Amino acid sequence: MEHTTIAVDLAKSVFQVAVSHRAGHVDEERRLSRSRFLTYFAQRPPATILLEACGSAHHWARQLQPFGHTVRLLPAHDVHRYVRRNKTDRTDTRALLEAGRNDEIRAVPVKTVDQQAIASLHRLRSTWLAARTSRLNTVRGLLREFGVAIPVGAAHVVPQVRALFGESAPPVPILLQATLADVCEEIATLEANMQRIERQLEALARQMPDVALLQTVPGIGVITATALIALVGDIQRFPSGRHFASRRRKIHRHSVGASGRSASKATSTCACW
């Protein structure tokens, strides 16, 4: 019995589609505008649709499933290995078709709206945390130029700077004081934003039994537990604890936001989990 596989290269406006009725062959290619995309698939009989697990992939997968299609999200780093010659929309769809034939490539589960909402809270928190770290390091570096050394710890920076302004003869030039005050206000705002998200996550945790269960594991708190629920989902999809452990390290970096670069990288790759 013939089974159709359709590869889609996602985009903001125009989607490249490759249809294959036989393994290893492309029988039809189309370019669809965003307005025609869902209509095209609504009119087709059920098929296997291959998408690269990237930005907007989970959204489109949820939109396509009600039409009876089986949607598989393939990790981008696995699909990339099958791209031949120059990377174009056409070669991307052909790479998806080839990657889809490899049984060793594990598809990414389609995330629910709630999972993506929680993941979005974590991304925002990580972004604000990276921005706060950057501002704190900048303030420390600037003050060292004037002989002011601030003790280790983020909590010391803003109070120390404000205390300097109260001295009779502050070591920081007047020209710089107003700007440093603005930076301190920005840091305080970033911290308030982070705390607001943390309160949201704590409220969600009280309503989610799985999060409460995860928190019984030593070393796992609300932040890590909610990140695991949002980004991992069904843990049974991992063949062993070793496979899960590598993902867990990435999730931990994503949730705590150790640095601006790590948070940014985690944000760009979290669709692949």
Protein backbone atom coordinates (compact mmCIF):
# COMPACT_ATOMS: atom_id res chain seq x y z
CA MET A 1 0.00 0.00 0.00
CA GLU A 2 1.35 3.38 -1.00
CA HIS A 3 2.14 5.74 1.83
CA THR A 4 2.91 9.40 1.30
CA THR A 5 5.63 11.26 3.12
CA ILE A 6 5.70 15.05 2.93
CA ALA A 7 8.69 17.12 3.99
CA VAL A 8 8.17 20.78 4.86
CA ASP A 9 10.85 23.43 5.19
CA LEU A 10 9.27 25.90 7.61
CA ALA A 11 9.59 29.64 7.12
CA LYS A 12 7.92 32.89 8.10
CA SER A 13 6.12 33.51 4.81
CA VAL A 14 6.75 30.85 2.13
CA PHE A 15 7.01 27.12 2.86
CA GLN A 16 8.82 24.63 0.63
CA VAL A 17 7.06 21.26 0.35
CA ALA A 18 8.37 17.99 -1.11
CA VAL A 19 6.00 15.03 -1.57
CA SER A 20 7.30 11.47 -1.80
CA HIS A 21 5.12 8.47 -2.64
CA ARG A 22 8.12 6.12 -2.87
CA ALA A 23 11.11 6.00 -0.57
CA GLY A 24 14.07 7.80 -2.11
CA HIS A 25 12.01 9.70 -4.71
CA VAL A 26 10.54 13.20 -4.78
CA ASP A 27 7.32 13.11 -6.79
CA GLU A 28 6.07 16.65 -6.24
CA GLU A 29 7.44 19.98 -5.06
CA ARG A 30 5.53 23.10 -4.13
CA ARG A 31 6.01 26.50 -2.56
CA LEU A 32 3.10 27.53 -0.34
CA SER A 33 2.33 30.92 1.12
CA ARG A 34 1.45 31.11 4.79
CA SER A 35 -2.24 31.70 3.96
CA ARG A 36 -2.42 28.56 1.76
CA PHE A 37 -0.36 26.26 3.96
CA LEU A 38 -3.08 24.72 6.15
CA THR A 39 -5.61 24.62 3.32
CA TYR A 40 -3.22 22.50 1.25
CA PHE A 41 -2.82 19.89 3.99
CA ALA A 42 -6.50 19.92 4.91
CA GLN A 43 -7.29 18.76 1.36
CA ARG A 44 -4.72 15.94 1.32
CA PRO A 45 -5.31 12.37 2.55
CA PRO A 46 -3.49 11.40 5.77
CA ALA A 47 0.28 11.29 5.34
CA THR A 48 3.49 11.40 7.36
CA ILE A 49 4.70 14.98 7.56
CA LEU A 50 8.33 15.66 8.38
CA LEU A 51 9.33 18.95 9.98
CA GLU A 52 12.66 20.11 11.31
CA ALA A 53 12.41 20.67 15.07
CA CYS A 54 13.03 24.40 15.03
CA GLY A 55 11.18 27.62 15.81
CA SER A 56 7.39 27.36 15.18
CA ALA A 57 7.65 23.59 14.45
CA HIS A 58 5.57 22.58 17.48
CA HIS A 59 2.89 25.13 16.57
CA TRP A 60 2.54 23.86 13.02
CA ALA A 61 2.61 20.24 14.18
CA ARG A 62 -0.38 20.93 16.44
CA GLN A 63 -2.18 22.60 13.53
CA LEU A 64 -1.58 19.67 11.15
CA GLN A 65 -2.46 16.78 13.46
CA PRO A 66 -6.26 17.40 13.47
CA PHE A 67 -6.28 16.73 9.69
CA GLY A 68 -5.28 13.12 10.39
CA HIS A 69 -1.62 13.51 9.47
CA THR A 70 1.20 11.93 11.45
CA VAL A 71 3.72 14.67 12.21
CA ARG A 72 7.34 13.85 13.01
CA LEU A 73 9.74 16.52 14.24
CA LEU A 74 13.33 15.61 13.42
CA PRO A 75 16.29 17.16 15.28
CA ALA A 76 17.93 19.84 13.15
CA HIS A 77 21.48 18.58 13.79
CA ASP A 78 20.52 15.14 12.42
CA VAL A 79 18.76 16.54 9.34
CA HIS A 80 21.74 18.78 8.52
CA ARG A 81 23.92 15.74 7.80
CA TYR A 82 21.72 14.85 4.83
CA VAL A 83 21.91 18.26 3.12
CA ARG A 84 23.72 17.89 -0.19
CA ARG A 85 25.50 20.73 -1.97
CA ASN A 86 24.37 24.25 -1.05
CA LYS A 87 21.75 24.69 1.63
CA THR A 88 18.49 25.83 0.02
CA ASP A 89 14.81 25.29 0.74
CA ARG A 90 14.71 22.44 -1.81
CA THR A 91 17.78 20.68 -0.44
CA ASP A 92 16.39 21.06 3.08
CA THR A 93 13.18 19.23 2.18
CA ARG A 94 15.12 16.47 0.44
CA ALA A 95 17.35 16.16 3.50
CA LEU A 96 14.24 15.78 5.66
CA LEU A 97 12.98 12.94 3.44
CA GLU A 98 16.31 11.13 3.70
CA ALA A 99 16.59 11.67 7.45
CA GLY A 100 13.02 10.42 7.87
CA ARG A 101 14.08 7.04 6.49
CA ASN A 102 16.71 6.57 9.20
CA ASP A 103 15.13 4.63 12.07
CA GLU A 104 18.01 5.59 14.39
CA ILE A 105 16.95 9.25 14.38
CA ARG A 106 14.51 9.78 17.23
CA ALA A 107 11.69 12.21 16.59
CA VAL A 108 11.05 15.07 19.02
CA PRO A 109 7.63 14.80 20.75
CA VAL A 110 5.22 17.57 19.83
CA LYS A 111 4.88 19.90 22.80
CA THR A 112 1.53 21.03 24.13
CA VAL A 113 0.58 24.70 24.42
CA ASP A 114 1.02 24.51 28.21
CA GLN A 115 4.50 23.02 27.85
CA GLN A 116 5.53 25.79 25.49
CA ALA A 117 4.07 28.45 27.78
CA ILE A 118 6.15 27.18 30.72
CA ALA A 119 9.22 26.92 28.48
CA SER A 120 8.66 30.52 27.38
CA LEU A 121 8.67 31.67 31.01
CA HIS A 122 12.02 29.94 31.47
CA ARG A 123 13.43 31.55 28.32
CA LEU A 124 12.39 35.01 29.46
CA ARG A 125 13.86 34.41 32.90
CA SER A 126 17.13 33.20 31.36
CA THR A 127 17.27 36.25 29.10
CA TRP A 128 16.72 38.65 31.99
CA LEU A 129 19.24 36.76 34.12
CA ALA A 130 21.87 37.04 31.39
CA ALA A 131 21.13 40.76 30.99
CA ARG A 132 21.43 41.31 34.77
CA THR A 133 24.74 39.43 34.89
CA SER A 134 26.06 41.58 32.05
CA ARG A 135 25.06 44.83 33.79
CA LEU A 136 26.56 43.70 37.11
CA ASN A 137 29.86 42.78 35.49
CA THR A 138 29.96 46.11 33.65
CA VAL A 139 29.37 48.07 36.85
CA ARG A 140 32.07 46.10 38.68
CA GLY A 141 34.55 46.75 35.88
CA LEU A 142 33.80 50.46 35.71
CA LEU A 143 34.13 50.97 39.44
CA ARG A 144 37.47 49.16 39.55
CA GLU A 145 38.82 51.93 37.33
CA PHE A 146 38.14 54.32 40.22
CA GLY A 147 39.58 52.07 42.91
CA VAL A 148 36.26 50.65 44.12
CA ALA A 149 36.22 46.88 44.65
CA ILE A 150 32.82 45.25 45.27
CA PRO A 151 32.68 41.94 47.19
CA VAL A 152 31.75 38.74 45.38
CA GLY A 153 28.01 38.21 45.04
CA ALA A 154 25.31 39.83 42.92
CA ALA A 155 23.49 41.10 46.02
CA HIS A 156 26.38 43.43 46.90
CA VAL A 157 26.55 45.46 43.70
CA VAL A 158 23.51 47.76 43.77
CA PRO A 159 23.68 48.52 47.54
CA GLN A 160 27.41 49.30 47.29
CA VAL A 161 26.91 51.66 44.34
CA ARG A 162 24.06 53.49 46.06
CA ALA A 163 26.14 53.75 49.25
CA LEU A 164 28.90 55.46 47.26
CA PHE A 165 26.52 58.22 46.22
CA GLY A 166 25.80 58.97 49.87
CA GLU A 167 29.44 59.63 50.76
CA SER A 168 30.63 63.18 51.23
CA ALA A 169 33.41 62.70 48.68
CA PRO A 170 32.42 59.77 46.42
CA PRO A 171 35.28 58.29 44.37
CA VAL A 172 33.04 58.14 41.29
CA PRO A 173 33.01 61.34 39.18
CA ILE A 174 29.75 63.31 39.11
CA LEU A 175 29.71 62.86 35.33
CA LEU A 176 29.21 59.10 35.83
CA GLN A 177 26.95 59.02 38.88
CA ALA A 178 23.61 59.63 37.14
CA THR A 179 24.30 56.91 34.58
CA LEU A 180 25.34 54.42 37.25
CA ALA A 181 22.11 55.19 39.10
CA ASP A 182 20.17 54.38 35.93
CA VAL A 183 22.02 51.08 35.60
CA CYS A 184 21.16 50.22 39.20
CA GLU A 185 17.48 50.88 38.46
CA GLU A 186 17.71 48.66 35.39
CA ILE A 187 19.26 45.86 37.46
CA ALA A 188 16.49 46.19 40.04
CA THR A 189 13.87 45.99 37.29
CA LEU A 190 15.45 42.85 35.81
CA GLU A 191 15.51 41.24 39.26
CA ALA A 192 11.84 42.13 39.81
CA ASN A 193 10.93 40.57 36.44
CA MET A 194 12.78 37.38 37.34
CA GLN A 195 11.13 37.16 40.74
CA ARG A 196 7.70 37.61 39.16
CA ILE A 197 8.33 34.65 36.84
CA GLU A 198 9.64 32.57 39.71
CA ARG A 199 6.41 33.22 41.63
CA GLN A 200 4.43 32.13 38.54
CA LEU A 201 6.43 28.91 38.34
CA GLU A 202 5.93 28.26 42.05
CA ALA A 203 2.17 28.68 41.63
CA LEU A 204 2.18 26.29 38.67
CA ALA A 205 4.24 23.77 40.62
CA ARG A 206 1.58 23.56 43.31
CA GLN A 207 -0.95 22.51 40.65
CA MET A 208 1.25 19.91 38.92
CA PRO A 209 1.75 16.56 40.71
CA ASP A 210 4.68 15.64 38.43
CA VAL A 211 6.56 18.76 39.48
CA ALA A 212 5.97 17.96 43.15
CA LEU A 213 7.29 14.43 42.57
CA LEU A 214 10.42 15.73 40.84
CA GLN A 215 11.10 18.07 43.75
CA THR A 216 11.48 15.06 46.04
CA VAL A 217 14.74 14.31 44.18
CA PRO A 218 17.71 15.88 46.03
CA GLY A 219 19.04 18.93 44.21
CA ILE A 220 15.92 19.57 42.12
CA GLY A 221 13.86 22.65 42.92
CA VAL A 222 10.97 24.46 41.29
CA ILE A 223 13.03 25.95 38.45
CA THR A 224 14.61 22.69 37.31
CA ALA A 225 11.46 20.64 37.87
CA THR A 226 9.24 22.91 35.76
CA ALA A 227 11.94 23.08 33.08
CA LEU A 228 12.01 19.28 32.92
CA ILE A 229 8.23 19.08 32.55
CA ALA A 230 8.19 21.74 29.83
CA LEU A 231 11.22 20.66 27.81
CA VAL A 232 11.35 16.88 28.32
CA GLY A 233 7.76 15.76 28.74
CA ASP A 234 7.55 11.96 28.68
CA ILE A 235 10.84 10.72 30.13
CA GLN A 236 10.13 7.19 28.82
CA ARG A 237 11.22 8.32 25.36
CA PHE A 238 14.85 8.10 26.48
CA PRO A 239 16.31 4.59 26.12
CA SER A 240 18.43 4.95 29.25
CA GLY A 241 19.36 7.30 32.07
CA ARG A 242 22.61 8.06 30.27
CA HIS A 243 20.77 9.48 27.26
CA PHE A 244 18.56 11.58 29.51
CA ALA A 245 21.53 12.86 31.55
CA SER A 246 23.05 14.71 28.59
CA ARG A 247 19.75 16.48 27.96
CA ARG A 248 19.32 17.25 31.64
CA ARG A 249 22.62 19.16 31.70
CA LYS A 250 21.44 21.33 28.83
CA ILE A 251 18.13 21.96 30.58
CA HIS A 252 19.95 22.95 33.77
CA ARG A 253 22.03 25.51 31.88
CA HIS A 254 18.86 26.75 30.19
CA SER A 255 16.96 27.11 33.48
CA VAL A 256 19.70 28.77 35.54
CA GLY A 257 21.12 30.91 32.73
CA ALA A 258 24.77 30.67 33.73
CA SER A 259 25.85 33.12 31.04
CA GLY A 260 24.39 35.16 28.23
CA ARG A 261 25.83 32.86 25.63
CA SER A 262 24.53 29.68 27.29
CA ALA A 263 21.05 31.11 27.73
CA SER A 264 20.92 32.24 24.11
CA LYS A 265 22.12 28.88 22.85
CA ALA A 266 19.61 27.04 25.02
CA THR A 267 16.81 29.24 23.72
CA SER A 268 17.67 28.50 20.11
CA THR A 269 17.90 24.74 20.60
CA CYS A 270 15.11 24.01 23.04
CA ALA A 271 12.72 23.16 20.18
CA CYS A 272 14.93 20.12 19.52
CA TRP A 273 14.11 18.55 22.91
